[in-house]
């Protein structure tokens, strides 16, 4: 809930100041820009975390999101239970929430999957 509220406040502030409308109006859409157009949240990893195929720890790992790498999240939802300590410890009440991210490692194919929300922070 806090992510949605923060995103709404930020969007409203950018729209009021006129900063948010200029880049959107001039953006060109193409097949390579699809992931950028659907980017709702700009986040980065708190530490190395596996990207999963579905919203549960037992799901197939598609790759690893390295510490500090920025990613694009288009939604977050309640999913399977997870308990992390340290960097991914639940600080904001996002327990068992997962972010649907798009990550493009240099020289590799794009990875689209799920990461626990507590392992991410604002970029």
PDB file of N, CA and C in Angstrom:
ATOM      1  N   UNK A   1       0.815  -1.182   0.000  1.00  0.00           N
ATOM      2  CA  UNK A   1       0.000   0.000   0.000  1.00  0.00           C
ATOM      3  C   UNK A   1       0.860   1.247   0.000  1.00  0.00           C
ATOM      4  N   UNK A   2       1.972   1.202   0.754  1.00  0.00           N
ATOM      5  CA  UNK A   2       2.835   2.370   0.818  1.00  0.00           C
ATOM      6  C   UNK A   2       3.467   2.661  -0.539  1.00  0.00           C
ATOM      7  N   UNK A   3       3.769   1.593  -1.306  1.00  0.00           N
ATOM      8  CA  UNK A   3       4.350   1.805  -2.634  1.00  0.00           C
ATOM      9  C   UNK A   3       3.358   2.533  -3.533  1.00  0.00           C
ATOM     10  N   UNK A   4       2.090   2.107  -3.479  1.00  0.00           N
ATOM     11  CA  UNK A   4       1.084   2.730  -4.322  1.00  0.00           C
ATOM     12  C   UNK A   4       0.883   4.187  -3.927  1.00  0.00           C
ATOM     13  N   UNK A   5       0.841   4.468  -2.627  1.00  0.00           N
ATOM     14  CA  UNK A   5       0.671   5.827  -2.151  1.00  0.00           C
ATOM     15  C   UNK A   5       1.855   6.695  -2.553  1.00  0.00           C
ATOM     16  N   UNK A   6       3.076   6.189  -2.355  1.00  0.00           N
ATOM     17  CA  UNK A   6       4.274   6.946  -2.706  1.00  0.00           C
ATOM     18  C   UNK A   6       4.345   7.201  -4.211  1.00  0.00           C
ATOM     19  N   UNK A   7       3.982   6.194  -5.002  1.00  0.00           N
ATOM     20  CA  UNK A   7       4.014   6.365  -6.457  1.00  0.00           C
ATOM     21  C   UNK A   7       2.982   7.394  -6.901  1.00  0.00           C
ATOM     22  N   UNK A   8       1.804   7.373  -6.271  1.00  0.00           N
ATOM     23  CA  UNK A   8       0.763   8.338  -6.613  1.00  0.00           C
ATOM     24  C   UNK A   8       1.156   9.757  -6.264  1.00  0.00           C
ATOM     25  N   UNK A   9       1.759   9.936  -5.094  1.00  0.00           N
ATOM     26  CA  UNK A   9       2.205  11.266  -4.668  1.00  0.00           C
ATOM     27  C   UNK A   9       3.300  11.779  -5.596  1.00  0.00           C
ATOM     28  N   UNK A  10       4.250  10.907  -5.942  1.00  0.00           N
ATOM     29  CA  UNK A  10       5.335  11.313  -6.836  1.00  0.00           C
ATOM     30  C   UNK A  10       4.799  11.692  -8.219  1.00  0.00           C
ATOM     31  N   UNK A  11       3.858  10.900  -8.737  1.00  0.00           N
ATOM     32  CA  UNK A  11       3.290  11.199 -10.053  1.00  0.00           C
ATOM     33  C   UNK A  11       2.524  12.512 -10.030  1.00  0.00           C
ATOM     34  N   UNK A  12       1.788  12.746  -8.947  1.00  0.00           N
ATOM     35  CA  UNK A  12       1.035  13.994  -8.833  1.00  0.00           C
ATOM     36  C   UNK A  12       1.972  15.189  -8.756  1.00  0.00           C
ATOM     37  N   UNK A  13       3.061  15.057  -8.002  1.00  0.00           N
ATOM     38  CA  UNK A  13       4.025  16.151  -7.873  1.00  0.00           C
ATOM     39  C   UNK A  13       4.682  16.464  -9.210  1.00  0.00           C
ATOM     40  N   UNK A  14       5.038  15.428  -9.961  1.00  0.00           N
ATOM     41  CA  UNK A  14       5.666  15.648 -11.261  1.00  0.00           C
ATOM     42  C   UNK A  14       4.685  16.263 -12.255  1.00  0.00           C
ATOM     43  N   UNK A  15       3.440  15.849 -12.190  1.00  0.00           N
ATOM     44  CA  UNK A  15       2.436  16.390 -13.095  1.00  0.00           C
ATOM     45  C   UNK A  15       2.150  17.851 -12.786  1.00  0.00           C
ATOM     46  N   UNK A  16       2.067  18.186 -11.504  1.00  0.00           N
ATOM     47  CA  UNK A  16       1.794  19.563 -11.104  1.00  0.00           C
ATOM     48  C   UNK A  16       2.913  20.490 -11.567  1.00  0.00           C
ATOM     49  N   UNK A  17       4.159  20.043 -11.418  1.00  0.00           N
ATOM     50  CA  UNK A  17       5.287  20.882 -11.801  1.00  0.00           C
ATOM     51  C   UNK A  17       5.522  20.884 -13.306  1.00  0.00           C
ATOM     52  N   UNK A  18       4.893  19.963 -14.013  1.00  0.00           N
ATOM     53  CA  UNK A  18       5.052  19.910 -15.461  1.00  0.00           C
ATOM     54  C   UNK A  18       6.225  19.066 -15.906  1.00  0.00           C
ATOM     55  N   UNK A  19       6.981  18.527 -14.958  1.00  0.00           N
ATOM     56  CA  UNK A  19       8.143  17.715 -15.314  1.00  0.00           C
ATOM     57  C   UNK A  19       7.716  16.365 -15.859  1.00  0.00           C
ATOM     58  N   UNK A  20       6.654  15.791 -15.299  1.00  0.00           N
ATOM     59  CA  UNK A  20       6.220  14.452 -15.667  1.00  0.00           C
ATOM     60  C   UNK A  20       5.606  14.354 -17.044  1.00  0.00           C
ATOM     61  N   UNK A  21       5.113  15.439 -17.610  1.00  0.00           N
ATOM     62  CA  UNK A  21       4.415  15.352 -18.889  1.00  0.00           C
ATOM     63  C   UNK A  21       5.339  15.450 -20.094  1.00  0.00           C
ATOM     64  N   UNK A  22       6.433  16.166 -19.992  1.00  0.00           N
ATOM     65  CA  UNK A  22       7.295  16.378 -21.158  1.00  0.00           C
ATOM     66  C   UNK A  22       7.945  15.086 -21.670  1.00  0.00           C
ATOM     67  N   UNK A  23       8.614  14.290 -20.839  1.00  0.00           N
ATOM     68  CA  UNK A  23       9.244  13.076 -21.354  1.00  0.00           C
ATOM     69  C   UNK A  23       8.235  12.081 -21.917  1.00  0.00           C
ATOM     70  N   UNK A  24       7.058  11.982 -21.327  1.00  0.00           N
ATOM     71  CA  UNK A  24       6.067  11.034 -21.795  1.00  0.00           C
ATOM     72  C   UNK A  24       5.556  11.435 -23.163  1.00  0.00           C
ATOM     73  N   UNK A  25       5.331  12.717 -23.377  1.00  0.00           N
ATOM     74  CA  UNK A  25       4.808  13.191 -24.656  1.00  0.00           C
ATOM     75  C   UNK A  25       5.811  13.005 -25.780  1.00  0.00           C
ATOM     76  N   UNK A  26       7.107  13.105 -25.474  1.00  0.00           N
ATOM     77  CA  UNK A  26       8.108  13.000 -26.521  1.00  0.00           C
ATOM     78  C   UNK A  26       8.636  11.588 -26.706  1.00  0.00           C
ATOM     79  N   UNK A  27       8.221  10.663 -25.849  1.00  0.00           N
ATOM     80  CA  UNK A  27       8.733   9.289 -25.938  1.00  0.00           C
ATOM     81  C   UNK A  27       8.185   8.598 -27.176  1.00  0.00           C
ATOM     82  N   UNK A  28       9.056   7.883 -27.872  1.00  0.00           N
ATOM     83  CA  UNK A  28       8.646   7.105 -29.031  1.00  0.00           C
ATOM     84  C   UNK A  28       8.477   5.665 -28.577  1.00  0.00           C
ATOM     85  N   UNK A  29       7.443   5.007 -29.049  1.00  0.00           N
ATOM     86  CA  UNK A  29       7.236   3.615 -28.677  1.00  0.00           C
ATOM     87  C   UNK A  29       7.687   2.711 -29.814  1.00  0.00           C
ATOM     88  N   UNK A  30       8.380   1.687 -29.437  1.00  0.00           N
ATOM     89  CA  UNK A  30       8.794   0.658 -30.383  1.00  0.00           C
ATOM     90  C   UNK A  30       8.850  -0.642 -29.605  1.00  0.00           C
ATOM     91  N   UNK A  31       9.176  -1.717 -30.263  1.00  0.00           N
ATOM     92  CA  UNK A  31       9.248  -3.006 -29.581  1.00  0.00           C
ATOM     93  C   UNK A  31      10.320  -3.010 -28.499  1.00  0.00           C
ATOM     94  N   UNK A  32      11.398  -2.285 -28.674  1.00  0.00           N
ATOM     95  CA  UNK A  32      12.455  -2.253 -27.670  1.00  0.00           C
ATOM     96  C   UNK A  32      12.084  -1.378 -26.477  1.00  0.00           C
ATOM     97  N   UNK A  33      11.091  -0.487 -26.625  1.00  0.00           N
ATOM     98  CA  UNK A  33      10.690   0.406 -25.537  1.00  0.00           C
ATOM     99  C   UNK A  33       9.524  -0.131 -24.721  1.00  0.00           C
ATOM    100  N   UNK A  34       9.022  -1.312 -25.038  1.00  0.00           N
ATOM    101  CA  UNK A  34       7.833  -1.818 -24.367  1.00  0.00           C
ATOM    102  C   UNK A  34       8.052  -1.940 -22.873  1.00  0.00           C
ATOM    103  N   UNK A  35       9.196  -2.462 -22.422  1.00  0.00           N
ATOM    104  CA  UNK A  35       9.430  -2.625 -20.991  1.00  0.00           C
ATOM    105  C   UNK A  35       9.537  -1.274 -20.296  1.00  0.00           C
ATOM    106  N   UNK A  36      10.102  -0.269 -20.949  1.00  0.00           N
ATOM    107  CA  UNK A  36      10.215   1.056 -20.352  1.00  0.00           C
ATOM    108  C   UNK A  36       8.842   1.712 -20.233  1.00  0.00           C
ATOM    109  N   UNK A  37       7.964   1.458 -21.197  1.00  0.00           N
ATOM    110  CA  UNK A  37       6.645   2.059 -21.166  1.00  0.00           C
ATOM    111  C   UNK A  37       5.791   1.482 -20.046  1.00  0.00           C
ATOM    112  N   UNK A  38       6.017   0.224 -19.667  1.00  0.00           N
ATOM    113  CA  UNK A  38       5.211  -0.396 -18.623  1.00  0.00           C
ATOM    114  C   UNK A  38       5.885  -0.330 -17.258  1.00  0.00           C
ATOM    115  N   UNK A  39       6.928   0.438 -17.116  1.00  0.00           N
ATOM    116  CA  UNK A  39       7.646   0.560 -15.856  1.00  0.00           C
ATOM    117  C   UNK A  39       6.860   1.449 -14.898  1.00  0.00           C
ATOM    118  N   UNK A  40       6.352   0.859 -13.832  1.00  0.00           N
ATOM    119  CA  UNK A  40       5.593   1.600 -12.844  1.00  0.00           C
ATOM    120  C   UNK A  40       6.500   2.042 -11.706  1.00  0.00           C
ATOM    121  N   UNK A  41       7.376   1.142 -11.263  1.00  0.00           N
ATOM    122  CA  UNK A  41       8.304   1.443 -10.176  1.00  0.00           C
ATOM    123  C   UNK A  41       9.734   1.226 -10.645  1.00  0.00           C
ATOM    124  N   UNK A  42      10.620   2.105 -10.277  1.00  0.00           N
ATOM    125  CA  UNK A  42      12.048   1.972 -10.550  1.00  0.00           C
ATOM    126  C   UNK A  42      12.684   1.549  -9.227  1.00  0.00           C
ATOM    127  N   UNK A  43      13.163   0.309  -9.148  1.00  0.00           N
ATOM    128  CA  UNK A  43      13.684  -0.254  -7.909  1.00  0.00           C
ATOM    129  C   UNK A  43      15.093  -0.775  -8.107  1.00  0.00           C
ATOM    130  N   UNK A  44      15.780  -1.076  -6.991  1.00  0.00           N
ATOM    131  CA  UNK A  44      17.089  -1.724  -7.077  1.00  0.00           C
ATOM    132  C   UNK A  44      17.188  -2.760  -5.972  1.00  0.00           C
ATOM    133  N   UNK A  45      18.045  -3.742  -6.174  1.00  0.00           N
ATOM    134  CA  UNK A  45      18.201  -4.852  -5.238  1.00  0.00           C
ATOM    135  C   UNK A  45      19.011  -4.429  -4.021  1.00  0.00           C
ATOM    136  N   UNK A  46      18.562  -4.856  -2.846  1.00  0.00           N
ATOM    137  CA  UNK A  46      19.310  -4.588  -1.615  1.00  0.00           C
ATOM    138  C   UNK A  46      20.512  -5.508  -1.505  1.00  0.00           C
ATOM    139  N   UNK A  47      20.420  -6.697  -2.085  1.00  0.00           N
ATOM    140  CA  UNK A  47      21.530  -7.647  -2.154  1.00  0.00           C
ATOM    141  C   UNK A  47      21.217  -8.641  -3.257  1.00  0.00           C
ATOM    142  N   UNK A  48      22.135  -9.545  -3.575  1.00  0.00           N
ATOM    143  CA  UNK A  48      21.894 -10.530  -4.629  1.00  0.00           C
ATOM    144  C   UNK A  48      20.668 -11.376  -4.275  1.00  0.00           C
ATOM    145  N   UNK A  49      19.717 -11.449  -5.187  1.00  0.00           N
ATOM    146  CA  UNK A  49      18.487 -12.200  -4.944  1.00  0.00           C
ATOM    147  C   UNK A  49      18.067 -12.918  -6.225  1.00  0.00           C
ATOM    148  N   UNK A  50      17.521 -14.120  -6.073  1.00  0.00           N
ATOM    149  CA  UNK A  50      17.094 -14.907  -7.235  1.00  0.00           C
ATOM    150  C   UNK A  50      15.775 -14.379  -7.788  1.00  0.00           C
ATOM    151  N   UNK A  51      15.695 -14.366  -9.111  1.00  0.00           N
ATOM    152  CA  UNK A  51      14.464 -14.011  -9.814  1.00  0.00           C
ATOM    153  C   UNK A  51      13.727 -15.324 -10.064  1.00  0.00           C
ATOM    154  N   UNK A  52      12.497 -15.414  -9.604  1.00  0.00           N
ATOM    155  CA  UNK A  52      11.717 -16.656  -9.680  1.00  0.00           C
ATOM    156  C   UNK A  52      10.662 -16.605 -10.784  1.00  0.00           C
ATOM    157  N   UNK A  53      10.286 -17.795 -11.255  1.00  0.00           N
ATOM    158  CA  UNK A  53       9.282 -17.919 -12.308  1.00  0.00           C
ATOM    159  C   UNK A  53       7.874 -17.591 -11.802  1.00  0.00           C
ATOM    160  N   UNK A  54       7.594 -17.885 -10.542  1.00  0.00           N
ATOM    161  CA  UNK A  54       6.306 -17.543  -9.944  1.00  0.00           C
ATOM    162  C   UNK A  54       6.534 -17.000  -8.539  1.00  0.00           C
ATOM    163  N   UNK A  55       5.466 -16.639  -7.846  1.00  0.00           N
ATOM    164  CA  UNK A  55       5.557 -15.953  -6.556  1.00  0.00           C
ATOM    165  C   UNK A  55       5.709 -16.923  -5.391  1.00  0.00           C
ATOM    166  N   UNK A  56       6.713 -17.776  -5.440  1.00  0.00           N
ATOM    167  CA  UNK A  56       7.000 -18.667  -4.324  1.00  0.00           C
ATOM    168  C   UNK A  56       8.473 -19.069  -4.349  1.00  0.00           C
ATOM    169  N   UNK A  57       9.014 -19.329  -3.177  1.00  0.00           N
ATOM    170  CA  UNK A  57      10.436 -19.661  -3.037  1.00  0.00           C
ATOM    171  C   UNK A  57      10.796 -20.956  -3.769  1.00  0.00           C
ATOM    172  N   UNK A  58       9.871 -21.898  -3.844  1.00  0.00           N
ATOM    173  CA  UNK A  58      10.161 -23.177  -4.492  1.00  0.00           C
ATOM    174  C   UNK A  58      10.082 -23.102  -6.022  1.00  0.00           C
ATOM    175  N   UNK A  59       9.700 -21.952  -6.573  1.00  0.00           N
ATOM    176  CA  UNK A  59       9.602 -21.794  -8.034  1.00  0.00           C
ATOM    177  C   UNK A  59      10.990 -21.812  -8.670  1.00  0.00           C
ATOM    178  N   UNK A  60      11.035 -22.137  -9.926  1.00  0.00           N
ATOM    179  CA  UNK A  60      12.280 -22.188 -10.686  1.00  0.00           C
ATOM    180  C   UNK A  60      12.959 -20.824 -10.697  1.00  0.00           C
ATOM    181  N   UNK A  61      14.264 -20.819 -10.421  1.00  0.00           N
ATOM    182  CA  UNK A  61      15.045 -19.579 -10.476  1.00  0.00           C
ATOM    183  C   UNK A  61      15.418 -19.307 -11.928  1.00  0.00           C
ATOM    184  N   UNK A  62      15.120 -18.111 -12.413  1.00  0.00           N
ATOM    185  CA  UNK A  62      15.420 -17.728 -13.791  1.00  0.00           C
ATOM    186  C   UNK A  62      16.772 -17.036 -13.914  1.00  0.00           C
ATOM    187  N   UNK A  63      17.253 -16.503 -12.807  1.00  0.00           N
ATOM    188  CA  UNK A  63      18.521 -15.783 -12.805  1.00  0.00           C
ATOM    189  C   UNK A  63      18.707 -15.094 -11.475  1.00  0.00           C
ATOM    190  N   UNK A  64      19.766 -14.301 -11.380  1.00  0.00           N
ATOM    191  CA  UNK A  64      20.063 -13.574 -10.148  1.00  0.00           C
ATOM    192  C   UNK A  64      20.069 -12.085 -10.442  1.00  0.00           C
ATOM    193  N   UNK A  65      19.405 -11.342  -9.570  1.00  0.00           N
ATOM    194  CA  UNK A  65      19.431  -9.879  -9.643  1.00  0.00           C
ATOM    195  C   UNK A  65      20.548  -9.415  -8.721  1.00  0.00           C
ATOM    196  N   UNK A  66      21.636  -8.851  -9.276  1.00  0.00           N
ATOM    197  CA  UNK A  66      22.780  -8.438  -8.453  1.00  0.00           C
ATOM    198  C   UNK A  66      22.474  -7.239  -7.559  1.00  0.00           C
ATOM    199  N   UNK A  67      23.165  -7.169  -6.458  1.00  0.00           N
ATOM    200  CA  UNK A  67      23.031  -6.078  -5.496  1.00  0.00           C
ATOM    201  C   UNK A  67      23.197  -4.721  -6.184  1.00  0.00           C
ATOM    202  N   UNK A  68      22.269  -3.818  -5.932  1.00  0.00           N
ATOM    203  CA  UNK A  68      22.356  -2.455  -6.451  1.00  0.00           C
ATOM    204  C   UNK A  68      21.913  -2.251  -7.880  1.00  0.00           C
ATOM    205  N   UNK A  69      21.578  -3.315  -8.606  1.00  0.00           N
ATOM    206  CA  UNK A  69      21.159  -3.173 -10.002  1.00  0.00           C
ATOM    207  C   UNK A  69      19.736  -2.640 -10.083  1.00  0.00           C
ATOM    208  N   UNK A  70      19.515  -1.599 -10.889  1.00  0.00           N
ATOM    209  CA  UNK A  70      18.163  -1.070 -11.038  1.00  0.00           C
ATOM    210  C   UNK A  70      17.316  -1.970 -11.937  1.00  0.00           C
ATOM    211  N   UNK A  71      16.040  -2.095 -11.585  1.00  0.00           N
ATOM    212  CA  UNK A  71      15.096  -2.889 -12.367  1.00  0.00           C
ATOM    213  C   UNK A  71      13.784  -2.134 -12.483  1.00  0.00           C
ATOM    214  N   UNK A  72      12.967  -2.606 -13.383  1.00  0.00           N
ATOM    215  CA  UNK A  72      11.655  -2.029 -13.612  1.00  0.00           C
ATOM    216  C   UNK A  72      10.608  -3.003 -13.067  1.00  0.00           C
ATOM    217  N   UNK A  73       9.722  -2.523 -12.202  1.00  0.00           N
ATOM    218  CA  UNK A  73       8.645  -3.342 -11.655  1.00  0.00           C
ATOM    219  C   UNK A  73       7.319  -2.803 -12.170  1.00  0.00           C
ATOM    220  N   UNK A  74       6.500  -3.682 -12.743  1.00  0.00           N
ATOM    221  CA  UNK A  74       5.214  -3.226 -13.262  1.00  0.00           C
ATOM    222  C   UNK A  74       4.061  -3.499 -12.310  1.00  0.00           C
ATOM    223  N   UNK A  75       4.274  -4.382 -11.305  1.00  0.00           N
ATOM    224  CA  UNK A  75       3.235  -4.633 -10.309  1.00  0.00           C
ATOM    225  C   UNK A  75       3.829  -5.391  -9.134  1.00  0.00           C
ATOM    226  N   UNK A  76       3.105  -5.392  -8.025  1.00  0.00           N
ATOM    227  CA  UNK A  76       3.479  -6.246  -6.914  1.00  0.00           C
ATOM    228  C   UNK A  76       2.221  -6.842  -6.315  1.00  0.00           C
ATOM    229  N   UNK A  77       2.341  -8.109  -5.893  1.00  0.00           N
ATOM    230  CA  UNK A  77       1.180  -8.852  -5.433  1.00  0.00           C
ATOM    231  C   UNK A  77       1.554  -9.730  -4.252  1.00  0.00           C
ATOM    232  N   UNK A  78       0.541 -10.142  -3.513  1.00  0.00           N
ATOM    233  CA  UNK A  78       0.726 -11.078  -2.423  1.00  0.00           C
ATOM    234  C   UNK A  78       1.022 -12.447  -3.024  1.00  0.00           C
ATOM    235  N   UNK A  79       2.004 -13.148  -2.458  1.00  0.00           N
ATOM    236  CA  UNK A  79       2.384 -14.453  -2.989  1.00  0.00           C
ATOM    237  C   UNK A  79       2.753 -15.407  -1.879  1.00  0.00           C
ATOM    238  N   UNK A  80       3.610 -16.351  -2.203  1.00  0.00           N
ATOM    239  CA  UNK A  80       4.030 -17.361  -1.246  1.00  0.00           C
ATOM    240  C   UNK A  80       4.844 -16.783  -0.106  1.00  0.00           C
ATOM    241  N   UNK A  81       4.849 -17.507   1.010  1.00  0.00           N
ATOM    242  CA  UNK A  81       5.586 -17.061   2.193  1.00  0.00           C
ATOM    243  C   UNK A  81       7.087 -17.103   1.960  1.00  0.00           C
ATOM    244  N   UNK A  82       7.768 -16.164   2.563  1.00  0.00           N
ATOM    245  CA  UNK A  82       9.222 -16.175   2.598  1.00  0.00           C
ATOM    246  C   UNK A  82       9.662 -15.470   3.864  1.00  0.00           C
ATOM    247  N   UNK A  83      10.787 -15.874   4.386  1.00  0.00           N
ATOM    248  CA  UNK A  83      11.352 -15.212   5.563  1.00  0.00           C
ATOM    249  C   UNK A  83      12.820 -14.968   5.284  1.00  0.00           C
ATOM    250  N   UNK A  84      13.173 -13.718   5.214  1.00  0.00           N
ATOM    251  CA  UNK A  84      14.553 -13.322   4.995  1.00  0.00           C
ATOM    252  C   UNK A  84      15.026 -12.507   6.184  1.00  0.00           C
ATOM    253  N   UNK A  85      16.304 -12.572   6.433  1.00  0.00           N
ATOM    254  CA  UNK A  85      16.910 -11.778   7.498  1.00  0.00           C
ATOM    255  C   UNK A  85      17.913 -10.833   6.851  1.00  0.00           C
ATOM    256  N   UNK A  86      18.408  -9.892   7.602  1.00  0.00           N
ATOM    257  CA  UNK A  86      19.416  -8.970   7.070  1.00  0.00           C
ATOM    258  C   UNK A  86      18.814  -7.987   6.100  1.00  0.00           C
ATOM    259  N   UNK A  87      19.381  -7.910   4.905  1.00  0.00           N
ATOM    260  CA  UNK A  87      18.963  -6.913   3.919  1.00  0.00           C
ATOM    261  C   UNK A  87      17.515  -7.069   3.467  1.00  0.00           C
ATOM    262  N   UNK A  88      16.992  -8.284   3.449  1.00  0.00           N
ATOM    263  CA  UNK A  88      15.627  -8.511   2.976  1.00  0.00           C
ATOM    264  C   UNK A  88      14.621  -8.633   4.109  1.00  0.00           C
ATOM    265  N   UNK A  89      14.997  -8.232   5.302  1.00  0.00           N
ATOM    266  CA  UNK A  89      14.093  -8.285   6.439  1.00  0.00           C
ATOM    267  C   UNK A  89      12.920  -7.328   6.194  1.00  0.00           C
ATOM    268  N   UNK A  90      11.713  -7.757   6.551  1.00  0.00           N
ATOM    269  CA  UNK A  90      10.515  -6.946   6.332  1.00  0.00           C
ATOM    270  C   UNK A  90      10.536  -5.711   7.215  1.00  0.00           C
ATOM    271  N   UNK A  91      10.674  -4.548   6.588  1.00  0.00           N
ATOM    272  CA  UNK A  91      10.722  -3.280   7.319  1.00  0.00           C
ATOM    273  C   UNK A  91       9.469  -2.440   7.122  1.00  0.00           C
ATOM    274  N   UNK A  92       8.727  -2.688   6.069  1.00  0.00           N
ATOM    275  CA  UNK A  92       7.627  -1.801   5.703  1.00  0.00           C
ATOM    276  C   UNK A  92       6.262  -2.488   5.669  1.00  0.00           C
ATOM    277  N   UNK A  93       6.164  -3.695   6.145  1.00  0.00           N
ATOM    278  CA  UNK A  93       4.891  -4.405   6.120  1.00  0.00           C
ATOM    279  C   UNK A  93       4.572  -5.050   4.786  1.00  0.00           C
ATOM    280  N   UNK A  94       5.583  -5.313   3.970  1.00  0.00           N
ATOM    281  CA  UNK A  94       5.381  -5.944   2.661  1.00  0.00           C
ATOM    282  C   UNK A  94       5.560  -7.444   2.738  1.00  0.00           C
ATOM    283  N   UNK A  95       5.426  -8.022   3.909  1.00  0.00           N
ATOM    284  CA  UNK A  95       5.660  -9.442   4.095  1.00  0.00           C
ATOM    285  C   UNK A  95       4.838 -10.263   3.099  1.00  0.00           C
ATOM    286  N   UNK A  96       5.508 -11.180   2.450  1.00  0.00           N
ATOM    287  CA  UNK A  96       4.924 -12.090   1.469  1.00  0.00           C
ATOM    288  C   UNK A  96       4.414 -11.393   0.207  1.00  0.00           C
ATOM    289  N   UNK A  97       4.878 -10.175  -0.067  1.00  0.00           N
ATOM    290  CA  UNK A  97       4.569  -9.496  -1.328  1.00  0.00           C
ATOM    291  C   UNK A  97       5.734  -9.707  -2.284  1.00  0.00           C
ATOM    292  N   UNK A  98       5.416  -9.828  -3.550  1.00  0.00           N
ATOM    293  CA  UNK A  98       6.410 -10.066  -4.597  1.00  0.00           C
ATOM    294  C   UNK A  98       6.271  -8.999  -5.679  1.00  0.00           C
ATOM    295  N   UNK A  99       7.407  -8.547  -6.213  1.00  0.00           N
ATOM    296  CA  UNK A  99       7.413  -7.598  -7.325  1.00  0.00           C
ATOM    297  C   UNK A  99       7.659  -8.354  -8.626  1.00  0.00           C
ATOM    298  N   UNK A 100       6.893  -8.004  -9.654  1.00  0.00           N
ATOM    299  CA  UNK A 100       7.090  -8.553 -10.995  1.00  0.00           C
ATOM    300  C   UNK A 100       8.073  -7.627 -11.704  1.00  0.00           C
ATOM    301  N   UNK A 101       9.280  -8.114 -11.959  1.00  0.00           N
ATOM    302  CA  UNK A 101      10.339  -7.250 -12.483  1.00  0.00           C
ATOM    303  C   UNK A 101      10.785  -7.655 -13.877  1.00  0.00           C
ATOM    304  N   UNK A 102      11.436  -6.710 -14.524  1.00  0.00           N
ATOM    305  CA  UNK A 102      12.101  -6.941 -15.805  1.00  0.00           C
ATOM    306  C   UNK A 102      13.548  -6.522 -15.631  1.00  0.00           C
ATOM    307  N   UNK A 103      14.464  -7.472 -15.861  1.00  0.00           N
ATOM    308  CA  UNK A 103      15.895  -7.203 -15.695  1.00  0.00           C
ATOM    309  C   UNK A 103      16.616  -7.648 -16.964  1.00  0.00           C
ATOM    310  N   UNK A 104      17.467  -6.783 -17.489  1.00  0.00           N
ATOM    311  CA  UNK A 104      18.228  -7.073 -18.715  1.00  0.00           C
ATOM    312  C   UNK A 104      19.713  -7.078 -18.382  1.00  0.00           C
ATOM    313  N   UNK A 105      20.279  -8.277 -18.120  1.00  0.00           N
ATOM    314  CA  UNK A 105      21.723  -8.347 -17.885  1.00  0.00           C
ATOM    315  C   UNK A 105      22.483  -8.016 -19.169  1.00  0.00           C
ATOM    316  N   UNK A 106      23.606  -7.374 -19.014  1.00  0.00           N
ATOM    317  CA  UNK A 106      24.414  -6.991 -20.171  1.00  0.00           C
ATOM    318  C   UNK A 106      24.851  -8.243 -20.945  1.00  0.00           C
ATOM    319  N   UNK A 107      24.569  -8.267 -22.228  1.00  0.00           N
ATOM    320  CA  UNK A 107      24.971  -9.367 -23.088  1.00  0.00           C
ATOM    321  C   UNK A 107      24.100 -10.607 -22.996  1.00  0.00           C
ATOM    322  N   UNK A 108      22.975 -10.531 -22.294  1.00  0.00           N
ATOM    323  CA  UNK A 108      22.084 -11.682 -22.138  1.00  0.00           C
ATOM    324  C   UNK A 108      20.648 -11.280 -22.443  1.00  0.00           C
ATOM    325  N   UNK A 109      19.776 -12.283 -22.524  1.00  0.00           N
ATOM    326  CA  UNK A 109      18.362 -12.029 -22.778  1.00  0.00           C
ATOM    327  C   UNK A 109      17.691 -11.420 -21.551  1.00  0.00           C
ATOM    328  N   UNK A 110      16.615 -10.722 -21.785  1.00  0.00           N
ATOM    329  CA  UNK A 110      15.835 -10.087 -20.718  1.00  0.00           C
ATOM    330  C   UNK A 110      15.213 -11.163 -19.829  1.00  0.00           C
ATOM    331  N   UNK A 111      15.215 -10.925 -18.518  1.00  0.00           N
ATOM    332  CA  UNK A 111      14.610 -11.837 -17.551  1.00  0.00           C
ATOM    333  C   UNK A 111      13.387 -11.153 -16.954  1.00  0.00           C
ATOM    334  N   UNK A 112      12.246 -11.814 -17.037  1.00  0.00           N
ATOM    335  CA  UNK A 112      11.013 -11.306 -16.458  1.00  0.00           C
ATOM    336  C   UNK A 112      10.547 -12.322 -15.425  1.00  0.00           C
ATOM    337  N   UNK A 113      10.424 -11.896 -14.164  1.00  0.00           N
ATOM    338  CA  UNK A 113      10.034 -12.824 -13.116  1.00  0.00           C
ATOM    339  C   UNK A 113       9.672 -12.107 -11.830  1.00  0.00           C
ATOM    340  N   UNK A 114       9.660 -12.854 -10.743  1.00  0.00           N
ATOM    341  CA  UNK A 114       9.216 -12.363  -9.440  1.00  0.00           C
ATOM    342  C   UNK A 114      10.347 -12.339  -8.433  1.00  0.00           C
ATOM    343  N   UNK A 115      10.386 -11.269  -7.606  1.00  0.00           N
ATOM    344  CA  UNK A 115      11.385 -11.099  -6.556  1.00  0.00           C
ATOM    345  C   UNK A 115      10.635 -10.642  -5.297  1.00  0.00           C
ATOM    346  N   UNK A 116      11.024 -11.153  -4.113  1.00  0.00           N
ATOM    347  CA  UNK A 116      10.373 -10.676  -2.879  1.00  0.00           C
ATOM    348  C   UNK A 116      10.520  -9.156  -2.739  1.00  0.00           C
ATOM    349  N   UNK A 117       9.433  -8.484  -2.428  1.00  0.00           N
ATOM    350  CA  UNK A 117       9.438  -7.011  -2.342  1.00  0.00           C
ATOM    351  C   UNK A 117      10.381  -6.481  -1.289  1.00  0.00           C
ATOM    352  N   UNK A 118      10.575  -7.218  -0.204  1.00  0.00           N
ATOM    353  CA  UNK A 118      11.446  -6.721   0.866  1.00  0.00           C
ATOM    354  C   UNK A 118      12.909  -6.731   0.450  1.00  0.00           C
ATOM    355  N   UNK A 119      13.249  -7.395  -0.644  1.00  0.00           N
ATOM    356  CA  UNK A 119      14.631  -7.427  -1.140  1.00  0.00           C
ATOM    357  C   UNK A 119      14.936  -6.256  -2.070  1.00  0.00           C
ATOM    358  N   UNK A 120      13.936  -5.398  -2.309  1.00  0.00           N
ATOM    359  CA  UNK A 120      14.101  -4.264  -3.215  1.00  0.00           C
ATOM    360  C   UNK A 120      13.907  -2.956  -2.463  1.00  0.00           C
ATOM    361  N   UNK A 121      14.493  -1.899  -3.000  1.00  0.00           N
ATOM    362  CA  UNK A 121      14.312  -0.564  -2.461  1.00  0.00           C
ATOM    363  C   UNK A 121      14.196   0.405  -3.629  1.00  0.00           C
ATOM    364  N   UNK A 122      13.799   1.642  -3.371  1.00  0.00           N
ATOM    365  CA  UNK A 122      13.638   2.628  -4.445  1.00  0.00           C
ATOM    366  C   UNK A 122      14.987   2.939  -5.069  1.00  0.00           C
ATOM    367  N   UNK A 123      14.997   3.060  -6.397  1.00  0.00           N
ATOM    368  CA  UNK A 123      16.249   3.347  -7.126  1.00  0.00           C
ATOM    369  C   UNK A 123      16.571   4.816  -7.105  1.00  0.00           C
TER     370      UNK A 123
END
